[in-house]
Amino acid sequence: MIADTLQKIVETTPGAIAAIFMDGDGIAIEQFVGESDVEIEMVAAEFSVRFKSLRTAARTLELGGINDMTIKMDEATVVVRFLGEYYVVLVLRPEGLTGKGRYQLRATASAFLDML
């Protein structure tokens, strides 16, 4: 069911190429890769260490938890939605609709939590 939700997010977000659901330690639970050769598990695992550091920094500075973040690079955009100790990573092409991706992740957050 998680894989179906990831597929729906990718297929309804223009420019999206892959999505992955991870636990707080950066271990992949489910993933969906569209028509792309992106190694979504490797992308998410590499960034997971940084996510953990950023979340710790936000708490240390008493700014609260991080809900989402967007990382724009030359060849891709990564949108992350944090769900407690889990998170969803969506990878888009540079021309992809980042706002739509962020909306899709926010709109499906409760569905992911219900599946756990």
N, C-alpha and C. Protein backbone atom coordinates (compact mmCIF):
# COMPACT_ATOMS: atom_id res chain seq x y z
N MET A 1 0.81 -1.19 0.00
CA MET A 1 0.00 0.00 0.00
C MET A 1 0.86 1.27 0.00
N ILE A 2 1.99 1.25 0.72
CA ILE A 2 2.90 2.39 0.70
C ILE A 2 3.44 2.60 -0.71
N ALA A 3 3.81 1.50 -1.38
CA ALA A 3 4.33 1.60 -2.74
C ALA A 3 3.29 2.22 -3.68
N ASP A 4 2.02 1.87 -3.50
CA ASP A 4 0.95 2.44 -4.33
C ASP A 4 0.84 3.95 -4.12
N THR A 5 0.97 4.39 -2.87
CA THR A 5 0.90 5.82 -2.57
C THR A 5 2.08 6.55 -3.18
N LEU A 6 3.27 5.96 -3.09
CA LEU A 6 4.45 6.57 -3.70
C LEU A 6 4.27 6.69 -5.21
N GLN A 7 3.74 5.64 -5.82
CA GLN A 7 3.50 5.65 -7.26
C GLN A 7 2.52 6.77 -7.63
N LYS A 8 1.46 6.91 -6.86
CA LYS A 8 0.47 7.95 -7.12
C LYS A 8 1.10 9.34 -7.04
N ILE A 9 1.96 9.55 -6.04
CA ILE A 9 2.63 10.85 -5.89
C ILE A 9 3.48 11.15 -7.12
N VAL A 10 4.27 10.18 -7.55
CA VAL A 10 5.14 10.38 -8.71
C VAL A 10 4.32 10.63 -9.97
N GLU A 11 3.29 9.83 -10.16
CA GLU A 11 2.50 9.93 -11.39
C GLU A 11 1.62 11.18 -11.46
N THR A 12 1.31 11.79 -10.32
CA THR A 12 0.46 12.98 -10.34
C THR A 12 1.24 14.28 -10.14
N THR A 13 2.56 14.17 -10.05
CA THR A 13 3.40 15.35 -9.90
C THR A 13 4.22 15.53 -11.17
N PRO A 14 3.90 16.54 -11.98
CA PRO A 14 4.66 16.75 -13.21
C PRO A 14 6.17 16.92 -12.94
N GLY A 15 6.96 16.12 -13.64
CA GLY A 15 8.41 16.19 -13.49
C GLY A 15 8.97 15.28 -12.42
N ALA A 16 8.12 14.62 -11.64
CA ALA A 16 8.60 13.71 -10.59
C ALA A 16 9.12 12.44 -11.24
N ILE A 17 10.22 11.90 -10.70
CA ILE A 17 10.79 10.69 -11.28
C ILE A 17 10.88 9.52 -10.29
N ALA A 18 10.85 9.82 -8.99
CA ALA A 18 10.95 8.73 -8.02
C ALA A 18 10.55 9.23 -6.63
N ALA A 19 10.13 8.29 -5.79
CA ALA A 19 9.80 8.60 -4.40
C ALA A 19 10.16 7.39 -3.55
N ILE A 20 10.53 7.67 -2.30
CA ILE A 20 10.92 6.61 -1.39
C ILE A 20 10.46 6.95 0.02
N PHE A 21 10.05 5.93 0.77
CA PHE A 21 9.63 6.05 2.16
C PHE A 21 10.74 5.44 3.00
N MET A 22 11.28 6.23 3.93
CA MET A 22 12.45 5.81 4.71
C MET A 22 12.15 5.88 6.20
N ASP A 23 12.90 5.08 6.98
CA ASP A 23 12.83 5.24 8.42
C ASP A 23 13.88 6.25 8.87
N GLY A 24 13.88 6.60 10.13
CA GLY A 24 14.77 7.62 10.65
C GLY A 24 16.24 7.31 10.54
N ASP A 25 16.59 6.05 10.35
CA ASP A 25 17.99 5.66 10.21
C ASP A 25 18.43 5.61 8.75
N GLY A 26 17.54 6.02 7.84
CA GLY A 26 17.89 6.04 6.43
C GLY A 26 17.73 4.70 5.73
N ILE A 27 16.93 3.82 6.31
CA ILE A 27 16.69 2.51 5.70
C ILE A 27 15.40 2.59 4.89
N ALA A 28 15.50 2.18 3.63
CA ALA A 28 14.35 2.23 2.73
C ALA A 28 13.29 1.22 3.15
N ILE A 29 12.05 1.66 3.16
CA ILE A 29 10.93 0.76 3.46
C ILE A 29 10.22 0.39 2.16
N GLU A 30 9.90 1.38 1.35
CA GLU A 30 9.28 1.17 0.03
C GLU A 30 9.76 2.26 -0.90
N GLN A 31 9.72 1.97 -2.20
CA GLN A 31 10.10 2.98 -3.18
C GLN A 31 9.34 2.76 -4.48
N PHE A 32 9.29 3.83 -5.26
CA PHE A 32 8.74 3.75 -6.60
C PHE A 32 9.60 4.62 -7.50
N VAL A 33 10.07 4.05 -8.60
CA VAL A 33 10.86 4.77 -9.59
C VAL A 33 10.10 4.73 -10.90
N GLY A 34 9.83 5.90 -11.45
CA GLY A 34 9.14 6.00 -12.73
C GLY A 34 10.11 5.69 -13.86
N GLU A 35 9.91 6.34 -14.97
CA GLU A 35 10.76 6.11 -16.14
C GLU A 35 12.07 6.88 -15.99
N SER A 36 12.95 6.34 -15.17
CA SER A 36 14.22 6.99 -14.87
C SER A 36 15.20 5.94 -14.36
N ASP A 37 16.46 6.26 -14.46
CA ASP A 37 17.47 5.36 -13.91
C ASP A 37 18.04 5.89 -12.60
N VAL A 38 17.33 6.84 -11.98
CA VAL A 38 17.80 7.40 -10.72
C VAL A 38 17.84 6.31 -9.65
N GLU A 39 18.90 6.30 -8.88
CA GLU A 39 19.03 5.34 -7.78
C GLU A 39 18.50 6.02 -6.52
N ILE A 40 17.19 6.02 -6.39
CA ILE A 40 16.52 6.75 -5.32
C ILE A 40 16.98 6.30 -3.94
N GLU A 41 17.24 5.02 -3.77
CA GLU A 41 17.68 4.54 -2.47
C GLU A 41 19.04 5.14 -2.10
N MET A 42 19.94 5.25 -3.07
CA MET A 42 21.24 5.84 -2.81
C MET A 42 21.12 7.34 -2.53
N VAL A 43 20.28 8.03 -3.29
CA VAL A 43 20.08 9.46 -3.07
C VAL A 43 19.57 9.70 -1.65
N ALA A 44 18.53 8.98 -1.27
CA ALA A 44 17.93 9.16 0.05
C ALA A 44 18.89 8.78 1.17
N ALA A 45 19.63 7.70 0.98
CA ALA A 45 20.59 7.27 2.01
C ALA A 45 21.70 8.30 2.21
N GLU A 46 22.19 8.86 1.12
CA GLU A 46 23.25 9.89 1.22
C GLU A 46 22.76 11.12 1.96
N PHE A 47 21.55 11.54 1.67
CA PHE A 47 21.01 12.73 2.33
C PHE A 47 20.53 12.46 3.75
N SER A 48 20.24 11.20 4.09
CA SER A 48 19.66 10.90 5.40
C SER A 48 20.54 11.35 6.56
N VAL A 49 21.84 11.26 6.41
CA VAL A 49 22.75 11.71 7.47
C VAL A 49 22.59 13.22 7.68
N ARG A 50 22.47 13.94 6.58
CA ARG A 50 22.29 15.39 6.68
C ARG A 50 20.93 15.74 7.27
N PHE A 51 19.91 14.98 6.90
CA PHE A 51 18.58 15.22 7.46
C PHE A 51 18.62 15.10 8.98
N LYS A 52 19.28 14.05 9.44
CA LYS A 52 19.37 13.81 10.88
C LYS A 52 20.07 14.98 11.58
N SER A 53 21.15 15.46 10.98
CA SER A 53 21.89 16.59 11.55
C SER A 53 21.04 17.86 11.59
N LEU A 54 20.31 18.12 10.52
CA LEU A 54 19.46 19.31 10.47
C LEU A 54 18.34 19.24 11.50
N ARG A 55 17.77 18.07 11.66
CA ARG A 55 16.69 17.91 12.64
C ARG A 55 17.21 18.13 14.05
N THR A 56 18.41 17.60 14.33
CA THR A 56 19.03 17.79 15.64
C THR A 56 19.33 19.27 15.88
N ALA A 57 19.86 19.95 14.87
CA ALA A 57 20.17 21.37 14.99
C ALA A 57 18.91 22.19 15.28
N ALA A 58 17.82 21.90 14.58
CA ALA A 58 16.57 22.63 14.80
C ALA A 58 16.08 22.46 16.23
N ARG A 59 16.16 21.24 16.74
CA ARG A 59 15.73 21.00 18.13
C ARG A 59 16.66 21.69 19.12
N THR A 60 17.97 21.61 18.88
CA THR A 60 18.95 22.23 19.77
C THR A 60 18.74 23.74 19.85
N LEU A 61 18.40 24.35 18.74
CA LEU A 61 18.16 25.78 18.68
C LEU A 61 16.75 26.15 19.14
N GLU A 62 16.00 25.15 19.60
CA GLU A 62 14.64 25.32 20.08
C GLU A 62 13.73 25.95 19.03
N LEU A 63 13.93 25.51 17.78
CA LEU A 63 13.09 25.97 16.68
C LEU A 63 11.98 24.98 16.34
N GLY A 64 11.95 23.87 17.05
CA GLY A 64 10.95 22.85 16.80
C GLY A 64 11.41 21.86 15.74
N GLY A 65 10.50 21.00 15.34
CA GLY A 65 10.82 19.99 14.34
C GLY A 65 10.77 20.55 12.93
N ILE A 66 11.45 19.88 12.03
CA ILE A 66 11.41 20.25 10.63
C ILE A 66 10.27 19.46 9.98
N ASN A 67 9.38 20.15 9.29
CA ASN A 67 8.26 19.49 8.63
C ASN A 67 8.62 19.03 7.22
N ASP A 68 9.25 19.91 6.47
CA ASP A 68 9.65 19.55 5.11
C ASP A 68 10.84 20.40 4.69
N MET A 69 11.46 19.98 3.61
CA MET A 69 12.55 20.76 3.04
C MET A 69 12.65 20.48 1.56
N THR A 70 13.21 21.44 0.85
CA THR A 70 13.41 21.32 -0.58
C THR A 70 14.87 21.63 -0.89
N ILE A 71 15.49 20.77 -1.66
CA ILE A 71 16.89 20.96 -2.05
C ILE A 71 16.93 21.02 -3.57
N LYS A 72 17.32 22.17 -4.10
CA LYS A 72 17.39 22.35 -5.55
C LYS A 72 18.85 22.20 -5.99
N MET A 73 19.07 21.32 -6.95
CA MET A 73 20.40 21.11 -7.52
C MET A 73 20.32 21.34 -9.02
N ASP A 74 21.46 21.30 -9.69
CA ASP A 74 21.47 21.52 -11.13
C ASP A 74 20.65 20.48 -11.89
N GLU A 75 20.75 19.23 -11.47
CA GLU A 75 20.14 18.13 -12.23
C GLU A 75 18.88 17.55 -11.61
N ALA A 76 18.50 18.02 -10.43
CA ALA A 76 17.32 17.46 -9.78
C ALA A 76 16.89 18.36 -8.62
N THR A 77 15.67 18.15 -8.18
CA THR A 77 15.16 18.77 -6.97
C THR A 77 14.68 17.65 -6.06
N VAL A 78 15.03 17.74 -4.79
CA VAL A 78 14.62 16.75 -3.80
C VAL A 78 13.70 17.44 -2.81
N VAL A 79 12.52 16.87 -2.63
CA VAL A 79 11.55 17.38 -1.66
C VAL A 79 11.38 16.30 -0.60
N VAL A 80 11.47 16.71 0.65
CA VAL A 80 11.39 15.77 1.77
C VAL A 80 10.26 16.19 2.69
N ARG A 81 9.46 15.22 3.12
CA ARG A 81 8.41 15.44 4.11
C ARG A 81 8.69 14.54 5.29
N PHE A 82 8.88 15.13 6.47
CA PHE A 82 9.17 14.36 7.68
C PHE A 82 7.87 13.98 8.36
N LEU A 83 7.82 12.72 8.80
CA LEU A 83 6.64 12.16 9.44
C LEU A 83 7.08 11.47 10.73
N GLY A 84 7.30 12.23 11.75
CA GLY A 84 7.84 11.66 12.99
C GLY A 84 9.23 11.11 12.74
N GLU A 85 9.41 9.83 12.99
CA GLU A 85 10.72 9.20 12.77
C GLU A 85 10.89 8.69 11.34
N TYR A 86 9.94 8.93 10.50
CA TYR A 86 10.00 8.50 9.10
C TYR A 86 10.03 9.72 8.20
N TYR A 87 10.29 9.49 6.93
CA TYR A 87 10.21 10.57 5.96
C TYR A 87 10.04 10.03 4.56
N VAL A 88 9.50 10.90 3.70
CA VAL A 88 9.30 10.57 2.30
C VAL A 88 10.16 11.52 1.47
N VAL A 89 10.88 10.97 0.50
CA VAL A 89 11.72 11.75 -0.39
C VAL A 89 11.15 11.64 -1.80
N LEU A 90 10.97 12.79 -2.42
CA LEU A 90 10.48 12.86 -3.80
C LEU A 90 11.56 13.53 -4.64
N VAL A 91 11.94 12.89 -5.75
CA VAL A 91 12.95 13.45 -6.65
C VAL A 91 12.26 13.90 -7.93
N LEU A 92 12.55 15.14 -8.33
CA LEU A 92 11.97 15.71 -9.53
C LEU A 92 13.07 16.18 -10.48
N ARG A 93 12.73 16.23 -11.74
CA ARG A 93 13.61 16.85 -12.72
C ARG A 93 13.68 18.34 -12.40
N PRO A 94 14.70 19.06 -12.88
CA PRO A 94 14.81 20.49 -12.56
C PRO A 94 13.57 21.31 -12.95
N GLU A 95 12.90 20.91 -14.02
CA GLU A 95 11.72 21.65 -14.46
C GLU A 95 10.43 21.15 -13.80
N GLY A 96 10.54 20.17 -12.91
CA GLY A 96 9.36 19.61 -12.25
C GLY A 96 8.66 20.63 -11.37
N LEU A 97 7.41 20.35 -11.08
CA LEU A 97 6.60 21.26 -10.27
C LEU A 97 6.81 20.96 -8.78
N THR A 98 7.75 21.67 -8.20
CA THR A 98 8.13 21.46 -6.80
C THR A 98 6.96 21.71 -5.87
N GLY A 99 6.21 22.76 -6.12
CA GLY A 99 5.07 23.08 -5.26
C GLY A 99 4.03 21.96 -5.26
N LYS A 100 3.78 21.40 -6.41
CA LYS A 100 2.82 20.28 -6.51
C LYS A 100 3.36 19.08 -5.74
N GLY A 101 4.66 18.83 -5.83
CA GLY A 101 5.28 17.73 -5.09
C GLY A 101 5.15 17.94 -3.58
N ARG A 102 5.43 19.15 -3.14
CA ARG A 102 5.28 19.45 -1.70
C ARG A 102 3.83 19.25 -1.26
N TYR A 103 2.89 19.69 -2.08
CA TYR A 103 1.48 19.51 -1.76
C TYR A 103 1.13 18.02 -1.67
N GLN A 104 1.57 17.24 -2.65
CA GLN A 104 1.27 15.80 -2.65
C GLN A 104 1.82 15.12 -1.39
N LEU A 105 3.03 15.48 -1.00
CA LEU A 105 3.62 14.87 0.20
C LEU A 105 2.84 15.28 1.45
N ARG A 106 2.46 16.53 1.53
CA ARG A 106 1.68 17.00 2.68
C ARG A 106 0.31 16.34 2.71
N ALA A 107 -0.33 16.21 1.55
CA ALA A 107 -1.68 15.64 1.47
C ALA A 107 -1.72 14.15 1.80
N THR A 108 -0.63 13.44 1.56
CA THR A 108 -0.60 12.00 1.82
C THR A 108 0.07 11.64 3.14
N ALA A 109 0.51 12.64 3.89
CA ALA A 109 1.23 12.37 5.15
C ALA A 109 0.43 11.48 6.10
N SER A 110 -0.83 11.80 6.31
CA SER A 110 -1.62 11.00 7.24
C SER A 110 -1.85 9.59 6.73
N ALA A 111 -1.95 9.43 5.41
CA ALA A 111 -2.11 8.08 4.84
C ALA A 111 -0.87 7.23 5.12
N PHE A 112 0.31 7.82 5.00
CA PHE A 112 1.53 7.07 5.32
C PHE A 112 1.55 6.66 6.79
N LEU A 113 1.20 7.58 7.66
CA LEU A 113 1.21 7.28 9.09
C LEU A 113 0.20 6.20 9.43
N ASP A 114 -0.95 6.19 8.75
CA ASP A 114 -1.96 5.17 8.99
C ASP A 114 -1.49 3.79 8.54
N MET A 115 -0.57 3.74 7.57
CA MET A 115 -0.08 2.46 7.05
C MET A 115 0.99 1.81 7.94
N LEU A 116 1.49 2.58 8.89
CA LEU A 116 2.56 2.02 9.75
C LEU A 116 2.03 1.13 10.84
